[in-house]
C-alpha cells in the first residue's frame, strides 16, 4: 500500500494547508476510516469548484493548488482527494474513465476519479468531480455511485489503480494556461492502459 499513501509533487499532502485540512475533516467525521473518507469526498465534491462547470481558473494540478484556489478539473480534484485521504493514513489511488467530451461519440477524453481502500469493502471507486443537473455522484459503499456510467463503445473504465497521475494528465494541466485551453486539449488515450501488479 506504500505507493498509495505517499506524498508527491501532485499529491502533496505534507504541505501545511493540505495536512491541516485533512486533520480538520477527520475531526469533523469522527472515528473510522469510512467516515473520514466520506467527509473528505464530500468536501472535495461540494466545496471545490469544477473548473469547466464554473468557468473558474486558474488551471491547477497539485493538491495544494486546488485547495488554495478552490477550483480544479476532475483530475486536479482527484489529486486533492487522494492527498486528504493519504494524509489520514487511508490508501487512495487515481482512476480514469474514457468518456465523450460531448453528449456522445467522438471526441473522447479521460475523466479522473479515485479509489479508496476501505477495510470492510476493499478498493472502492468514488468520483468527486462535483454534482450538477444530470450528475449525482455519492459515497455509498459497497455500491459505486459514480458521476458517469459507461455506456459501451469507445467509452470505458481504464484498468488499474494509479499512485500518480498519468503523464497525459500532467501535460494537459501544465502546458495550457487557461481553462479554455485545457478544455480544447483534454487528455485522451487510444487503448486501455494496464498497470502491472496493480490491485483491481
Protein backbone atom coordinates (compact mmCIF):
# COMPACT_ATOMS: atom_id res chain seq x y z
CA UNK A 1 0.00 0.00 0.00
CA UNK A 2 3.02 2.28 0.32
CA UNK A 3 2.64 3.98 -3.10
CA UNK A 4 -1.00 4.76 -2.30
CA UNK A 5 -0.01 6.58 0.89
CA UNK A 6 2.90 8.59 -0.50
CA UNK A 7 3.18 12.36 -0.77
CA UNK A 8 4.45 13.56 -4.14
CA UNK A 9 4.61 16.57 -6.42
CA UNK A 10 0.97 16.27 -7.49
CA UNK A 11 -0.42 14.68 -4.33
CA UNK A 12 1.44 16.91 -1.88
CA UNK A 13 -0.39 16.06 1.32
CA UNK A 14 2.54 17.05 3.53
CA UNK A 15 2.10 20.73 2.68
CA UNK A 16 0.79 22.50 5.80
CA UNK A 17 -2.57 23.64 4.40
CA UNK A 18 -3.49 20.24 2.96
CA UNK A 19 -2.37 18.38 6.07
CA UNK A 20 -4.26 20.77 8.36
CA UNK A 21 -7.46 20.41 6.34
CA UNK A 22 -7.15 16.63 6.36
CA UNK A 23 -6.92 16.63 10.15
CA UNK A 24 -9.85 19.04 10.44
CA UNK A 25 -12.04 16.85 8.24
CA UNK A 26 -11.08 13.79 10.29
CA UNK A 27 -12.18 15.52 13.48
CA UNK A 28 -15.48 16.53 11.88
CA UNK A 29 -16.06 12.99 10.61
CA UNK A 30 -15.50 11.20 13.89
CA UNK A 31 -13.89 7.79 14.16
CA UNK A 32 -13.31 5.23 11.44
CA UNK A 33 -11.71 5.31 8.02
CA UNK A 34 -15.05 5.05 6.23
CA UNK A 35 -16.45 8.11 7.99
CA UNK A 36 -13.26 10.09 7.31
CA UNK A 37 -13.22 9.03 3.66
CA UNK A 38 -16.84 10.11 3.27
CA UNK A 39 -16.14 13.54 4.79
CA UNK A 40 -13.07 14.08 2.57
CA UNK A 41 -15.03 13.01 -0.50
CA UNK A 42 -17.94 15.32 0.25
CA UNK A 43 -15.62 18.25 0.91
CA UNK A 44 -13.88 17.93 -2.45
CA UNK A 45 -17.12 17.19 -4.32
CA UNK A 46 -19.06 20.09 -2.81
CA UNK A 47 -16.52 22.75 -1.80
CA UNK A 48 -14.05 22.67 -4.70
CA UNK A 49 -15.45 24.13 -7.94
CA UNK A 50 -15.07 22.14 -11.14
CA UNK A 51 -13.10 24.42 -13.45
CA UNK A 52 -15.29 23.97 -16.51
CA UNK A 53 -18.63 23.91 -14.70
CA UNK A 54 -17.87 27.29 -13.15
CA UNK A 55 -15.55 28.63 -15.88
CA UNK A 56 -13.20 29.25 -12.98
CA UNK A 57 -9.41 29.49 -13.13
CA UNK A 58 -6.54 29.24 -12.71
CA UNK A 59 -5.52 25.85 -14.08
CA UNK A 60 -4.49 23.72 -11.08
CA UNK A 61 -2.59 20.45 -10.80
CA UNK A 62 -1.12 19.92 -7.33
CA UNK A 63 -3.43 19.20 -4.42
CA UNK A 64 -2.18 22.30 -2.61
CA UNK A 65 -3.01 24.47 -5.64
CA UNK A 66 -6.51 23.03 -5.86
CA UNK A 67 -7.10 23.81 -2.20
CA UNK A 68 -5.60 27.31 -2.40
CA UNK A 69 -7.74 28.34 -5.37
CA UNK A 70 -10.78 26.14 -4.55
CA UNK A 71 -11.02 25.04 -8.19
CA UNK A 72 -9.81 22.30 -10.50
CA UNK A 73 -10.67 19.99 -13.35
CA UNK A 74 -11.72 16.46 -12.36
CA UNK A 75 -8.09 15.32 -12.47
CA UNK A 76 -6.91 18.04 -10.11
CA UNK A 77 -9.83 17.45 -7.76
CA UNK A 78 -8.88 13.77 -7.62
CA UNK A 79 -5.34 14.79 -6.63
CA UNK A 80 -6.70 16.79 -3.69
CA UNK A 81 -9.00 13.98 -2.59
CA UNK A 82 -6.13 11.48 -2.74
CA UNK A 83 -4.00 13.89 -0.69
CA UNK A 84 -6.63 14.33 2.02
CA UNK A 85 -7.16 10.59 2.29
CA UNK A 86 -3.45 9.76 2.36
CA UNK A 87 -2.82 12.43 4.99
CA UNK A 88 -5.23 10.49 7.19
CA UNK A 89 -3.42 7.21 6.55
CA UNK A 90 -6.10 5.92 4.17
CA UNK A 91 -4.75 4.38 0.93
CA UNK A 92 -6.00 6.28 -2.12
CA UNK A 93 -5.43 5.79 -5.84
CA UNK A 94 -6.21 7.66 -9.03
CA UNK A 95 -8.53 6.05 -11.57
CA UNK A 96 -9.64 7.01 -15.05
CA UNK A 97 -12.51 6.57 -17.44
CA UNK A 98 -12.64 7.35 -21.16
CA UNK A 99 -15.75 9.37 -21.95
CA UNK A 100 -17.09 11.51 -24.79
CA UNK A 101 -16.41 15.21 -24.48
CA UNK A 102 -19.96 15.98 -25.60
CA UNK A 103 -23.22 14.07 -25.41
CA UNK A 104 -21.92 11.02 -27.24
CA UNK A 105 -19.35 9.86 -29.75
CA UNK A 106 -16.02 11.40 -30.65
CA UNK A 107 -14.07 13.25 -29.48
CA UNK A 108 -13.21 11.42 -26.26
CA UNK A 109 -11.21 12.36 -23.21
CA UNK A 110 -10.00 10.93 -19.95
CA UNK A 111 -12.01 11.56 -16.80
CA UNK A 112 -10.27 11.44 -13.44
CA UNK A 113 -11.65 9.91 -10.26
CA UNK A 114 -10.39 7.99 -7.21
CA UNK A 115 -10.38 4.67 -5.46
CA UNK A 116 -10.08 4.44 -1.69
CA UNK A 117 -9.19 1.33 0.28
CA UNK A 118 -11.78 0.60 2.96
CA UNK A 119 -11.15 -2.28 5.35
CA UNK A 120 -14.72 -3.56 5.09
CA UNK A 121 -15.02 -3.27 1.31
CA UNK A 122 -11.58 -3.27 -0.32
CA UNK A 123 -10.91 -0.81 -3.15
CA UNK A 124 -13.94 1.39 -3.74
CA UNK A 125 -14.21 3.96 -6.53
CA UNK A 126 -15.52 7.46 -5.83
CA UNK A 127 -15.92 10.50 -8.07
CA UNK A 128 -15.65 13.96 -6.51
CA UNK A 129 -15.82 15.95 -9.79
CA UNK A 130 -18.83 17.85 -8.45
CA UNK A 131 -22.54 17.31 -8.91
CA UNK A 132 -24.82 19.26 -11.22
CA UNK A 133 -28.06 18.52 -13.12
CA UNK A 134 -27.62 15.04 -14.57
CA UNK A 135 -24.58 14.24 -12.37
CA UNK A 136 -25.15 12.74 -8.92
CA UNK A 137 -22.03 11.07 -7.52
CA UNK A 138 -22.25 9.72 -3.97
CA UNK A 139 -20.32 7.79 -1.33
CA UNK A 140 -22.41 4.65 -0.80
CA UNK A 141 -20.08 1.68 -0.15
CA UNK A 142 -20.04 -1.08 -1.17
CA UNK A 143 -22.12 0.16 -4.12
CA UNK A 144 -20.48 2.55 -6.59
CA UNK A 145 -22.39 5.71 -7.39
CA UNK A 146 -20.13 7.45 -9.90
CA UNK A 147 -20.74 10.62 -11.87
CA UNK A 148 -20.82 8.93 -15.28
CA UNK A 149 -21.97 5.42 -16.25
CA UNK A 150 -20.07 3.63 -19.00
CA UNK A 151 -22.43 3.17 -21.95
CA UNK A 152 -20.26 0.96 -24.15
CA UNK A 153 -18.50 1.51 -27.44
CA UNK A 154 -15.36 3.58 -27.07
CA UNK A 155 -16.35 4.56 -23.52
CA UNK A 156 -14.51 2.52 -20.93
CA UNK A 157 -13.24 2.18 -17.40
CA UNK A 158 -9.45 2.31 -17.63
CA UNK A 159 -7.95 -0.65 -15.81
CA UNK A 160 -5.62 -0.17 -12.89
CA UNK A 161 -5.11 1.90 -9.78
CA UNK A 162 -2.53 4.64 -10.22
CA UNK A 163 -0.45 6.06 -7.41
CA UNK A 164 0.47 9.05 -9.57
CA UNK A 165 -1.37 10.91 -12.35
CA UNK A 166 -0.91 9.80 -15.95
CA UNK A 167 1.63 11.86 -17.87
CA UNK A 168 -1.07 12.87 -20.38
CA UNK A 169 -2.99 14.47 -17.50
CA UNK A 170 0.06 16.27 -16.13
CA UNK A 171 0.85 17.57 -19.62
CA UNK A 172 -2.68 18.87 -20.16
CA UNK A 173 -2.63 20.76 -16.86
CA UNK A 174 0.85 22.21 -17.23
CA UNK A 175 1.09 23.09 -20.92
CA UNK A 176 -2.05 25.22 -21.03
CA UNK A 177 -2.51 28.42 -19.09
CA UNK A 178 -6.30 28.84 -19.21
CA UNK A 179 -9.23 26.55 -18.52
CA UNK A 180 -10.44 27.15 -22.07
CA UNK A 181 -7.14 25.90 -23.49
CA UNK A 182 -7.31 22.81 -21.28
CA UNK A 183 -10.86 22.11 -22.46
CA UNK A 184 -9.72 22.27 -26.09
CA UNK A 185 -6.84 19.88 -25.32
CA UNK A 186 -8.30 17.39 -22.85
CA UNK A 187 -6.11 14.30 -22.44
CA UNK A 188 -7.12 11.07 -24.14
CA UNK A 189 -5.71 7.62 -24.81
CA UNK A 190 -6.27 5.31 -27.74
CA UNK A 191 -6.25 1.96 -25.93
CA UNK A 192 -6.84 0.66 -22.39
CA UNK A 193 -3.90 1.15 -20.03
CA UNK A 194 -2.74 -1.61 -17.76
CA UNK A 195 -0.59 -1.34 -14.66
CA UNK A 196 1.46 -4.43 -13.92
CA UNK A 197 0.90 -5.68 -10.41
CA UNK A 198 -1.71 -3.06 -9.54
CA UNK A 199 -4.66 -4.32 -7.48
CA UNK A 200 -8.01 -4.35 -9.26
